[in-house]
C-alpha atoms as a PDB file:
ATOM      1  CA  UNK A   1       1.416  26.228 -17.977  1.00  0.00           C
ATOM      2  CA  UNK A   2       3.048  22.907 -18.854  1.00  0.00           C
ATOM      3  CA  UNK A   3       1.087  20.407 -20.883  1.00  0.00           C
ATOM      4  CA  UNK A   4       3.372  17.419 -20.473  1.00  0.00           C
ATOM      5  CA  UNK A   5       6.150  16.146 -18.256  1.00  0.00           C
ATOM      6  CA  UNK A   6       9.650  17.197 -19.345  1.00  0.00           C
ATOM      7  CA  UNK A   7      12.361  14.584 -19.818  1.00  0.00           C
ATOM      8  CA  UNK A   8      14.542  13.608 -16.854  1.00  0.00           C
ATOM      9  CA  UNK A   9      17.877  15.433 -17.139  1.00  0.00           C
ATOM     10  CA  UNK A  10      20.911  13.384 -16.036  1.00  0.00           C
ATOM     11  CA  UNK A  11      24.088  14.749 -14.421  1.00  0.00           C
ATOM     12  CA  UNK A  12      27.038  12.623 -13.251  1.00  0.00           C
ATOM     13  CA  UNK A  13      29.730  14.026 -10.978  1.00  0.00           C
ATOM     14  CA  UNK A  14      32.473  15.569 -13.062  1.00  0.00           C
ATOM     15  CA  UNK A  15      30.177  16.794 -15.817  1.00  0.00           C
ATOM     16  CA  UNK A  16      28.944  20.346 -16.383  1.00  0.00           C
ATOM     17  CA  UNK A  17      25.508  20.921 -14.838  1.00  0.00           C
ATOM     18  CA  UNK A  18      23.181  21.941 -17.661  1.00  0.00           C
ATOM     19  CA  UNK A  19      19.908  21.407 -15.823  1.00  0.00           C
ATOM     20  CA  UNK A  20      19.431  24.626 -13.837  1.00  0.00           C
ATOM     21  CA  UNK A  21      16.740  26.502 -15.734  1.00  0.00           C
ATOM     22  CA  UNK A  22      16.297  30.257 -15.658  1.00  0.00           C
ATOM     23  CA  UNK A  23      13.021  30.109 -13.761  1.00  0.00           C
ATOM     24  CA  UNK A  24      14.634  28.111 -10.960  1.00  0.00           C
ATOM     25  CA  UNK A  25      16.179  29.887  -8.006  1.00  0.00           C
ATOM     26  CA  UNK A  26      18.891  28.652  -5.658  1.00  0.00           C
ATOM     27  CA  UNK A  27      18.546  30.023  -2.129  1.00  0.00           C
ATOM     28  CA  UNK A  28      21.386  30.860   0.235  1.00  0.00           C
ATOM     29  CA  UNK A  29      20.944  27.577   2.140  1.00  0.00           C
ATOM     30  CA  UNK A  30      21.269  25.527  -1.059  1.00  0.00           C
ATOM     31  CA  UNK A  31      17.543  24.916  -1.510  1.00  0.00           C
ATOM     32  CA  UNK A  32      15.949  25.215  -4.957  1.00  0.00           C
ATOM     33  CA  UNK A  33      12.553  26.735  -5.750  1.00  0.00           C
ATOM     34  CA  UNK A  34      10.371  26.982  -8.884  1.00  0.00           C
ATOM     35  CA  UNK A  35      11.357  23.510 -10.056  1.00  0.00           C
ATOM     36  CA  UNK A  36       9.586  22.532 -13.286  1.00  0.00           C
ATOM     37  CA  UNK A  37      12.340  20.344 -14.772  1.00  0.00           C
ATOM     38  CA  UNK A  38      13.250  17.052 -13.132  1.00  0.00           C
ATOM     39  CA  UNK A  39      16.927  16.147 -12.901  1.00  0.00           C
ATOM     40  CA  UNK A  40      18.998  13.320 -11.439  1.00  0.00           C
ATOM     41  CA  UNK A  41      22.411  14.131  -9.940  1.00  0.00           C
ATOM     42  CA  UNK A  42      24.571  11.006  -9.632  1.00  0.00           C
ATOM     43  CA  UNK A  43      27.560  10.659  -7.298  1.00  0.00           C
ATOM     44  CA  UNK A  44      29.338   7.292  -7.665  1.00  0.00           C
ATOM     45  CA  UNK A  45      31.812   6.185  -4.966  1.00  0.00           C
ATOM     46  CA  UNK A  46      35.417   5.365  -5.756  1.00  0.00           C
ATOM     47  CA  UNK A  47      34.799   1.762  -4.739  1.00  0.00           C
ATOM     48  CA  UNK A  48      31.267   0.401  -5.002  1.00  0.00           C
ATOM     49  CA  UNK A  49      29.879  -2.182  -2.612  1.00  0.00           C
ATOM     50  CA  UNK A  50      26.975  -2.984  -4.880  1.00  0.00           C
ATOM     51  CA  UNK A  51      24.312  -0.582  -3.614  1.00  0.00           C
ATOM     52  CA  UNK A  52      22.769   2.650  -4.883  1.00  0.00           C
ATOM     53  CA  UNK A  53      20.068   4.973  -3.591  1.00  0.00           C
ATOM     54  CA  UNK A  54      17.829   7.564  -5.173  1.00  0.00           C
ATOM     55  CA  UNK A  55      17.643  10.356  -2.606  1.00  0.00           C
ATOM     56  CA  UNK A  56      14.580  12.616  -2.474  1.00  0.00           C
ATOM     57  CA  UNK A  57      15.175  15.760  -0.390  1.00  0.00           C
ATOM     58  CA  UNK A  58      12.309  17.427   1.464  1.00  0.00           C
ATOM     59  CA  UNK A  59      11.050  20.994   1.401  1.00  0.00           C
ATOM     60  CA  UNK A  60       7.303  20.769   1.896  1.00  0.00           C
ATOM     61  CA  UNK A  61       6.682  20.876  -1.888  1.00  0.00           C
ATOM     62  CA  UNK A  62       7.588  24.571  -1.605  1.00  0.00           C
ATOM     63  CA  UNK A  63      11.263  24.045  -2.337  1.00  0.00           C
ATOM     64  CA  UNK A  64      13.808  21.238  -2.554  1.00  0.00           C
ATOM     65  CA  UNK A  65      16.372  21.181   0.250  1.00  0.00           C
ATOM     66  CA  UNK A  66      19.052  20.100  -2.187  1.00  0.00           C
ATOM     67  CA  UNK A  67      22.030  20.676   0.101  1.00  0.00           C
ATOM     68  CA  UNK A  68      20.810  19.984   3.646  1.00  0.00           C
ATOM     69  CA  UNK A  69      18.816  16.863   2.698  1.00  0.00           C
ATOM     70  CA  UNK A  70      20.736  16.008  -0.450  1.00  0.00           C
ATOM     71  CA  UNK A  71      24.403  16.690  -1.144  1.00  0.00           C
ATOM     72  CA  UNK A  72      25.307  16.784   2.562  1.00  0.00           C
ATOM     73  CA  UNK A  73      24.748  12.991   2.598  1.00  0.00           C
ATOM     74  CA  UNK A  74      26.898  12.169  -0.426  1.00  0.00           C
ATOM     75  CA  UNK A  75      30.334  11.776   1.177  1.00  0.00           C
ATOM     76  CA  UNK A  76      29.021   9.558   3.980  1.00  0.00           C
ATOM     77  CA  UNK A  77      27.212   7.212   1.604  1.00  0.00           C
ATOM     78  CA  UNK A  78      30.152   7.149  -0.793  1.00  0.00           C
ATOM     79  CA  UNK A  79      32.370   6.018   2.101  1.00  0.00           C
ATOM     80  CA  UNK A  80      29.948   3.123   2.568  1.00  0.00           C
ATOM     81  CA  UNK A  81      30.434   2.271  -1.117  1.00  0.00           C
ATOM     82  CA  UNK A  82      26.939   3.493  -2.050  1.00  0.00           C
ATOM     83  CA  UNK A  83      26.159   5.409  -5.244  1.00  0.00           C
ATOM     84  CA  UNK A  84      23.917   8.406  -4.497  1.00  0.00           C
ATOM     85  CA  UNK A  85      21.500   9.765  -7.100  1.00  0.00           C
ATOM     86  CA  UNK A  86      19.738  12.919  -5.874  1.00  0.00           C
ATOM     87  CA  UNK A  87      16.375  13.534  -7.522  1.00  0.00           C
ATOM     88  CA  UNK A  88      15.400  17.127  -8.170  1.00  0.00           C
ATOM     89  CA  UNK A  89      11.703  16.427  -8.697  1.00  0.00           C
ATOM     90  CA  UNK A  90       9.035  18.717 -10.075  1.00  0.00           C
ATOM     91  CA  UNK A  91       7.079  20.583  -7.430  1.00  0.00           C
ATOM     92  CA  UNK A  92       3.271  20.309  -7.428  1.00  0.00           C
ATOM     93  CA  UNK A  93       1.475  23.052  -9.318  1.00  0.00           C
ATOM     94  CA  UNK A  94      -2.015  23.813 -10.517  1.00  0.00           C
ATOM     95  CA  UNK A  95      -1.303  21.798 -13.658  1.00  0.00           C
ATOM     96  CA  UNK A  96      -0.525  18.511 -12.023  1.00  0.00           C
ATOM     97  CA  UNK A  97       1.534  16.164  -9.873  1.00  0.00           C
ATOM     98  CA  UNK A  98       4.562  14.732 -11.645  1.00  0.00           C
ATOM     99  CA  UNK A  99       6.836  13.620  -8.824  1.00  0.00           C
ATOM    100  CA  UNK A 100       5.756   9.966  -9.088  1.00  0.00           C
ATOM    101  CA  UNK A 101       6.618   9.942 -12.783  1.00  0.00           C
ATOM    102  CA  UNK A 102       9.933  11.628 -11.991  1.00  0.00           C
ATOM    103  CA  UNK A 103      10.800   8.933  -9.466  1.00  0.00           C
ATOM    104  CA  UNK A 104       9.751   6.147 -11.840  1.00  0.00           C
ATOM    105  CA  UNK A 105      11.979   7.652 -14.530  1.00  0.00           C
ATOM    106  CA  UNK A 106      14.871   7.854 -12.060  1.00  0.00           C
ATOM    107  CA  UNK A 107      14.407   4.214 -11.023  1.00  0.00           C
ATOM    108  CA  UNK A 108      14.251   3.131 -14.668  1.00  0.00           C
ATOM    109  CA  UNK A 109      17.397   5.062 -15.559  1.00  0.00           C
ATOM    110  CA  UNK A 110      19.395   3.723 -12.628  1.00  0.00           C
ATOM    111  CA  UNK A 111      18.319   0.137 -13.226  1.00  0.00           C
ATOM    112  CA  UNK A 112      19.236   0.357 -16.894  1.00  0.00           C
ATOM    113  CA  UNK A 113      22.672   1.697 -15.877  1.00  0.00           C
ATOM    114  CA  UNK A 114      23.408  -0.678 -13.003  1.00  0.00           C
ATOM    115  CA  UNK A 115      26.568  -2.017 -14.683  1.00  0.00           C
ATOM    116  CA  UNK A 116      27.856   1.485 -15.371  1.00  0.00           C
ATOM    117  CA  UNK A 117      27.459   2.469 -11.714  1.00  0.00           C
ATOM    118  CA  UNK A 118      28.363  -0.998 -10.387  1.00  0.00           C
ATOM    119  CA  UNK A 119      25.442  -1.852  -8.145  1.00  0.00           C
ATOM    120  CA  UNK A 120      23.076  -4.786  -7.699  1.00  0.00           C
ATOM    121  CA  UNK A 121      20.611  -3.346  -5.169  1.00  0.00           C
ATOM    122  CA  UNK A 122      18.778  -0.058  -5.721  1.00  0.00           C
ATOM    123  CA  UNK A 123      17.019   1.689  -2.848  1.00  0.00           C
ATOM    124  CA  UNK A 124      15.153   4.920  -2.271  1.00  0.00           C
ATOM    125  CA  UNK A 125      15.658   7.440   0.492  1.00  0.00           C
ATOM    126  CA  UNK A 126      13.683  10.506   1.462  1.00  0.00           C
ATOM    127  CA  UNK A 127      13.542  13.238   4.072  1.00  0.00           C
ATOM    128  CA  UNK A 128      10.213  14.735   5.213  1.00  0.00           C
ATOM    129  CA  UNK A 129       7.992  15.065   2.123  1.00  0.00           C
ATOM    130  CA  UNK A 130      10.833  13.467   0.175  1.00  0.00           C
ATOM    131  CA  UNK A 131      10.151  10.496   2.423  1.00  0.00           C
ATOM    132  CA  UNK A 132       6.617  10.520   1.074  1.00  0.00           C
ATOM    133  CA  UNK A 133       7.999  10.149  -2.452  1.00  0.00           C
ATOM    134  CA  UNK A 134      10.333   7.342  -1.415  1.00  0.00           C
ATOM    135  CA  UNK A 135       7.631   5.500   0.539  1.00  0.00           C
ATOM    136  CA  UNK A 136       5.199   5.898  -2.371  1.00  0.00           C
ATOM    137  CA  UNK A 137       7.637   4.020  -4.605  1.00  0.00           C
ATOM    138  CA  UNK A 138       8.132   1.314  -1.979  1.00  0.00           C
ATOM    139  CA  UNK A 139       4.445   0.987  -1.107  1.00  0.00           C
ATOM    140  CA  UNK A 140       2.327   1.750  -4.171  1.00  0.00           C
ATOM    141  CA  UNK A 141       4.422   1.128  -7.268  1.00  0.00           C
ATOM    142  CA  UNK A 142       3.846  -2.215  -9.036  1.00  0.00           C
ATOM    143  CA  UNK A 143       5.779  -5.006  -7.344  1.00  0.00           C
ATOM    144  CA  UNK A 144       8.350  -5.334 -10.132  1.00  0.00           C
ATOM    145  CA  UNK A 145       9.004  -1.565 -10.115  1.00  0.00           C
ATOM    146  CA  UNK A 146       9.565  -1.133  -6.390  1.00  0.00           C
ATOM    147  CA  UNK A 147      13.024  -0.437  -4.956  1.00  0.00           C
ATOM    148  CA  UNK A 148      15.029  -3.093  -3.107  1.00  0.00           C
ATOM    149  CA  UNK A 149      15.050  -1.132   0.170  1.00  0.00           C
ATOM    150  CA  UNK A 150      14.013   2.244   1.577  1.00  0.00           C
ATOM    151  CA  UNK A 151      15.431   4.748   4.077  1.00  0.00           C
ATOM    152  CA  UNK A 152      13.048   7.310   5.574  1.00  0.00           C
ATOM    153  CA  UNK A 153      13.948  10.319   7.705  1.00  0.00           C
ATOM    154  CA  UNK A 154      11.060  11.985   9.589  1.00  0.00           C
ATOM    155  CA  UNK A 155       8.758  11.112   6.653  1.00  0.00           C
ATOM    156  CA  UNK A 156       5.380  12.445   5.637  1.00  0.00           C
ATOM    157  CA  UNK A 157       3.212   9.336   5.244  1.00  0.00           C
ATOM    158  CA  UNK A 158      -0.460  10.185   5.749  1.00  0.00           C
ATOM    159  CA  UNK A 159      -2.898  12.595   4.108  1.00  0.00           C
ATOM    160  CA  UNK A 160      -5.451  12.144   6.890  1.00  0.00           C
ATOM    161  CA  UNK A 161      -6.577  15.431   8.452  1.00  0.00           C
ATOM    162  CA  UNK A 162      -5.180  14.712  11.922  1.00  0.00           C
ATOM    163  CA  UNK A 163      -1.879  13.278  10.662  1.00  0.00           C
ATOM    164  CA  UNK A 164      -1.003  15.108   7.464  1.00  0.00           C
ATOM    165  CA  UNK A 165       1.621  17.781   7.043  1.00  0.00           C
ATOM    166  CA  UNK A 166      -1.019  20.256   5.939  1.00  0.00           C
ATOM    167  CA  UNK A 167       1.235  22.624   3.926  1.00  0.00           C
ATOM    168  CA  UNK A 168       2.416  19.694   1.774  1.00  0.00           C
ATOM    169  CA  UNK A 169      -1.094  18.329   1.390  1.00  0.00           C
ATOM    170  CA  UNK A 170      -2.392  21.747   0.383  1.00  0.00           C
ATOM    171  CA  UNK A 171       0.326  22.024  -2.272  1.00  0.00           C
ATOM    172  CA  UNK A 172      -0.818  18.682  -3.668  1.00  0.00           C
ATOM    173  CA  UNK A 173      -4.599  18.931  -3.503  1.00  0.00           C
ATOM    174  CA  UNK A 174      -5.655  22.383  -2.318  1.00  0.00           C
ATOM    175  CA  UNK A 175      -7.458  23.065   0.945  1.00  0.00           C
ATOM    176  CA  UNK A 176     -10.425  20.777   0.308  1.00  0.00           C
ATOM    177  CA  UNK A 177      -9.493  17.079   0.265  1.00  0.00           C
ATOM    178  CA  UNK A 178     -12.115  14.393  -0.202  1.00  0.00           C
ATOM    179  CA  UNK A 179     -12.202  11.209   1.854  1.00  0.00           C
ATOM    180  CA  UNK A 180     -11.396   9.085  -1.191  1.00  0.00           C
ATOM    181  CA  UNK A 181      -8.375  11.230  -2.085  1.00  0.00           C
ATOM    182  CA  UNK A 182      -7.124  11.144   1.482  1.00  0.00           C
ATOM    183  CA  UNK A 183      -7.484   7.369   1.561  1.00  0.00           C
ATOM    184  CA  UNK A 184      -5.828   6.905  -1.817  1.00  0.00           C
ATOM    185  CA  UNK A 185      -2.742   8.928  -0.890  1.00  0.00           C
ATOM    186  CA  UNK A 186      -2.338   7.856   2.762  1.00  0.00           C
ATOM    187  CA  UNK A 187       0.461   5.330   2.483  1.00  0.00           C
ATOM    188  CA  UNK A 188      -0.158   3.652   5.834  1.00  0.00           C
ATOM    189  CA  UNK A 189      -3.369   2.278   4.315  1.00  0.00           C
ATOM    190  CA  UNK A 190      -1.584   0.584   1.416  1.00  0.00           C
ATOM    191  CA  UNK A 191       1.203  -1.397   3.075  1.00  0.00           C
ATOM    192  CA  UNK A 192       1.514  -4.984   1.866  1.00  0.00           C
ATOM    193  CA  UNK A 193       4.018  -7.828   2.176  1.00  0.00           C
ATOM    194  CA  UNK A 194       5.898  -6.647  -0.911  1.00  0.00           C
ATOM    195  CA  UNK A 195       7.145  -3.406   0.650  1.00  0.00           C
ATOM    196  CA  UNK A 196      10.957  -3.778   0.743  1.00  0.00           C
ATOM    197  CA  UNK A 197      13.104  -3.706   3.912  1.00  0.00           C
ATOM    198  CA  UNK A 198      12.701  -0.335   5.601  1.00  0.00           C
ATOM    199  CA  UNK A 199      14.810   1.891   7.865  1.00  0.00           C
ATOM    200  CA  UNK A 200      13.030   4.810   9.603  1.00  0.00           C
ATOM    201  CA  UNK A 201      14.489   7.451  11.905  1.00  0.00           C
ATOM    202  CA  UNK A 202      12.892  10.517  13.502  1.00  0.00           C
ATOM    203  CA  UNK A 203      12.548  12.438  16.762  1.00  0.00           C
ATOM    204  CA  UNK A 204       9.763  12.253  19.329  1.00  0.00           C
ATOM    205  CA  UNK A 205       9.465  16.040  19.507  1.00  0.00           C
ATOM    206  CA  UNK A 206       8.891  16.658  15.775  1.00  0.00           C
ATOM    207  CA  UNK A 207       6.298  19.461  15.657  1.00  0.00           C
ATOM    208  CA  UNK A 208       6.044  19.746  11.865  1.00  0.00           C
ATOM    209  CA  UNK A 209       5.349  16.140  10.864  1.00  0.00           C
ATOM    210  CA  UNK A 210       3.776  14.247  13.724  1.00  0.00           C
ATOM    211  CA  UNK A 211       5.711  11.065  14.650  1.00  0.00           C
ATOM    212  CA  UNK A 212       2.431   9.202  14.289  1.00  0.00           C
ATOM    213  CA  UNK A 213       3.124   9.156  10.537  1.00  0.00           C
ATOM    214  CA  UNK A 214       6.141   6.921  11.088  1.00  0.00           C
ATOM    215  CA  UNK A 215       4.527   4.915  13.888  1.00  0.00           C
ATOM    216  CA  UNK A 216       1.441   4.031  11.856  1.00  0.00           C
ATOM    217  CA  UNK A 217       3.538   3.139   8.822  1.00  0.00           C
ATOM    218  CA  UNK A 218       5.869   1.005  10.947  1.00  0.00           C
ATOM    219  CA  UNK A 219       2.879  -0.771  12.512  1.00  0.00           C
ATOM    220  CA  UNK A 220       1.582  -1.520   9.033  1.00  0.00           C
ATOM    221  CA  UNK A 221       4.977  -2.908   8.033  1.00  0.00           C
ATOM    222  CA  UNK A 222       5.081  -5.196  11.069  1.00  0.00           C
ATOM    223  CA  UNK A 223       1.534  -6.406  10.451  1.00  0.00           C
ATOM    224  CA  UNK A 224       2.467  -7.198   6.841  1.00  0.00           C
ATOM    225  CA  UNK A 225       5.577  -9.104   7.879  1.00  0.00           C
ATOM    226  CA  UNK A 226       7.974  -6.592   6.324  1.00  0.00           C
ATOM    227  CA  UNK A 227      11.495  -6.275   7.731  1.00  0.00           C
ATOM    228  CA  UNK A 228      11.627  -2.826   9.352  1.00  0.00           C
ATOM    229  CA  UNK A 229      13.987  -0.929  11.657  1.00  0.00           C
ATOM    230  CA  UNK A 230      12.603   2.073  13.580  1.00  0.00           C
ATOM    231  CA  UNK A 231      14.775   4.557  15.494  1.00  0.00           C
ATOM    232  CA  UNK A 232      13.160   7.368  17.521  1.00  0.00           C
ATOM    233  CA  UNK A 233      15.311   9.879  19.388  1.00  0.00           C
ATOM    234  CA  UNK A 234      13.888  12.013  22.220  1.00  0.00           C
ATOM    235  CA  UNK A 235      14.591  15.452  20.763  1.00  0.00           C
ATOM    236  CA  UNK A 236      16.025  17.272  17.782  1.00  0.00           C
ATOM    237  CA  UNK A 237      12.871  18.394  16.028  1.00  0.00           C
ATOM    238  CA  UNK A 238      12.211  18.188  12.320  1.00  0.00           C
ATOM    239  CA  UNK A 239      14.680  18.426   9.468  1.00  0.00           C
ATOM    240  CA  UNK A 240      17.935  17.423  11.154  1.00  0.00           C
ATOM    241  CA  UNK A 241      19.234  15.894   7.935  1.00  0.00           C
ATOM    242  CA  UNK A 242      22.968  15.210   8.161  1.00  0.00           C
ATOM    243  CA  UNK A 243      23.600  18.141  10.490  1.00  0.00           C
ATOM    244  CA  UNK A 244      26.406  17.843  13.027  1.00  0.00           C
ATOM    245  CA  UNK A 245      24.250  19.820  15.453  1.00  0.00           C
ATOM    246  CA  UNK A 246      21.874  16.865  15.790  1.00  0.00           C
ATOM    247  CA  UNK A 247      22.869  15.248  19.094  1.00  0.00           C
ATOM    248  CA  UNK A 248      22.149  11.716  17.908  1.00  0.00           C
ATOM    249  CA  UNK A 249      23.862  11.881  14.520  1.00  0.00           C
ATOM    250  CA  UNK A 250      26.512   9.274  15.346  1.00  0.00           C
ATOM    251  CA  UNK A 251      23.862   6.967  16.767  1.00  0.00           C
ATOM    252  CA  UNK A 252      21.486   7.015  13.815  1.00  0.00           C
ATOM    253  CA  UNK A 253      24.191   6.895  11.142  1.00  0.00           C
ATOM    254  CA  UNK A 254      25.822   4.020  13.010  1.00  0.00           C
ATOM    255  CA  UNK A 255      22.528   2.141  13.022  1.00  0.00           C
ATOM    256  CA  UNK A 256      22.058   2.899   9.333  1.00  0.00           C
ATOM    257  CA  UNK A 257      25.560   1.600   8.524  1.00  0.00           C
ATOM    258  CA  UNK A 258      24.831  -1.689  10.293  1.00  0.00           C
ATOM    259  CA  UNK A 259      21.453  -1.973   8.578  1.00  0.00           C
ATOM    260  CA  UNK A 260      22.914  -1.325   5.122  1.00  0.00           C
ATOM    261  CA  UNK A 261      25.568  -3.967   5.715  1.00  0.00           C
ATOM    262  CA  UNK A 262      22.854  -6.466   6.640  1.00  0.00           C
ATOM    263  CA  UNK A 263      20.994  -6.143   3.340  1.00  0.00           C
END
């Protein structure tokens, strides 16, 4: 059992990866399990346009979908001139939740190295439960620690019984969740005017994370006067990531390109 949070390990494209620990396991689809060491994998573009993102892959807190919701995005963002930093965050265990600290450390590192990686605006992005991490930073971190923008794909937002992705919630808190805990960790209840500009995309037929997560969060953003762009496609299910098999890939990436250029 760990007693304290390990240091964030940094890897920049072109360097030898020293962060994969023996207890971690890479699956055939590129996902990683048994993560107890946080790491940040940084992929700078050849020509920066002044933006960077910290990307949090999903995996239901059971694994980290490092390829399908991580490295598969790198080339596209690099072509937009965006530096991508993929966060391999610690998975919840019986000895604590460290993913918020991991994301804070990643934000701190990137901000302190903004000249090195040639960016002025730093955003967060997350898929599924990775979207929960990203939205936590944008919604609940102190105002001066929040990112400049956020991108959410089919995100987990709520811990309410009727809305939560129950496997993720169980990994975080166990099967019994009090009302106060649910309220504290349901992000739709904590939206304020200082949430940064937000881009959200998902499908209407998502059976794993109900679209009501995104809809309630988006409603909160509108009520708070936050600039937000919501894109719902009729089908495609959960976890489409950057897959070419997703029918609306060109549509949503085209909308994201326009949105990024408007920041």
